[in-house]
Amino acid sequence: MVFSLGENAGRNFINRLKKRLGKAYLLRIEEMGINLYMIELRHNLMW
């Protein structure tokens, strides 16, 4: 997501998505194997 949207837009998208979904939805997404926090961390370490 971050690479296809660009650095700032991708970071903004992930942050807004996490805030809007809430913990219950984030936990459900994590159960499916998508961890937005890890995606964000990986992106921050690469830049």
C-alpha atoms as a PDB file:
ATOM      1  CA  MET A   1       0.000   0.000   0.000  1.00  0.00           C
ATOM      2  CA  VAL A   2       2.670   2.435   1.008  1.00  0.00           C
ATOM      3  CA  PHE A   3       4.795   1.917  -2.073  1.00  0.00           C
ATOM      4  CA  SER A   4       1.925   2.136  -4.537  1.00  0.00           C
ATOM      5  CA  LEU A   5       0.492   5.287  -2.923  1.00  0.00           C
ATOM      6  CA  GLY A   6       3.803   6.988  -2.212  1.00  0.00           C
ATOM      7  CA  GLU A   7       5.514   7.580   1.098  1.00  0.00           C
ATOM      8  CA  ASN A   8       3.348  10.314   2.624  1.00  0.00           C
ATOM      9  CA  ALA A   9       0.021   9.192   1.167  1.00  0.00           C
ATOM     10  CA  GLY A  10       0.686   5.577   2.138  1.00  0.00           C
ATOM     11  CA  ARG A  11       1.601   6.449   5.698  1.00  0.00           C
ATOM     12  CA  ASN A  12      -1.426   8.719   5.984  1.00  0.00           C
ATOM     13  CA  PHE A  13      -3.689   5.991   4.584  1.00  0.00           C
ATOM     14  CA  ILE A  14      -2.498   3.379   7.095  1.00  0.00           C
ATOM     15  CA  ASN A  15      -2.838   5.793  10.034  1.00  0.00           C
ATOM     16  CA  ARG A  16      -6.336   6.875   9.043  1.00  0.00           C
ATOM     17  CA  LEU A  17      -7.401   3.289   8.425  1.00  0.00           C
ATOM     18  CA  LYS A  18      -6.190   2.184  11.873  1.00  0.00           C
ATOM     19  CA  LYS A  19      -8.008   5.065  13.572  1.00  0.00           C
ATOM     20  CA  ARG A  20     -11.282   4.551  11.721  1.00  0.00           C
ATOM     21  CA  LEU A  21     -11.499   0.781  12.048  1.00  0.00           C
ATOM     22  CA  GLY A  22     -11.028   0.470  15.777  1.00  0.00           C
ATOM     23  CA  LYS A  23      -9.453  -2.367  17.720  1.00  0.00           C
ATOM     24  CA  ALA A  24     -12.094  -5.013  17.051  1.00  0.00           C
ATOM     25  CA  TYR A  25     -11.722  -4.715  13.279  1.00  0.00           C
ATOM     26  CA  LEU A  26      -7.936  -4.465  13.476  1.00  0.00           C
ATOM     27  CA  LEU A  27      -7.808  -7.680  15.497  1.00  0.00           C
ATOM     28  CA  ARG A  28     -10.010  -9.425  12.937  1.00  0.00           C
ATOM     29  CA  ILE A  29      -7.795  -8.220  10.099  1.00  0.00           C
ATOM     30  CA  GLU A  30      -4.744  -9.488  12.007  1.00  0.00           C
ATOM     31  CA  GLU A  31      -6.399 -12.901  12.332  1.00  0.00           C
ATOM     32  CA  MET A  32      -6.517 -12.956   8.527  1.00  0.00           C
ATOM     33  CA  GLY A  33      -2.755 -12.359   8.458  1.00  0.00           C
ATOM     34  CA  ILE A  34      -2.585  -8.612   7.796  1.00  0.00           C
ATOM     35  CA  ASN A  35      -0.919  -6.603  10.531  1.00  0.00           C
ATOM     36  CA  LEU A  36      -1.089  -2.880   9.754  1.00  0.00           C
ATOM     37  CA  TYR A  37       1.228  -2.045  12.636  1.00  0.00           C
ATOM     38  CA  MET A  38       3.920  -4.335  11.234  1.00  0.00           C
ATOM     39  CA  ILE A  39       3.466  -2.864   7.754  1.00  0.00           C
ATOM     40  CA  GLU A  40       3.914   0.598   9.225  1.00  0.00           C
ATOM     41  CA  LEU A  41       6.963  -0.467  11.255  1.00  0.00           C
ATOM     42  CA  ARG A  42       8.588  -2.114   8.257  1.00  0.00           C
ATOM     43  CA  HIS A  43       8.022   0.982   6.167  1.00  0.00           C
ATOM     44  CA  ASN A  44       9.523   3.224   8.869  1.00  0.00           C
ATOM     45  CA  LEU A  45      12.608   1.024   9.103  1.00  0.00           C
ATOM     46  CA  MET A  46      13.139   1.101   5.345  1.00  0.00           C
ATOM     47  CA  TRP A  47      13.058   4.906   5.100  1.00  0.00           C
END
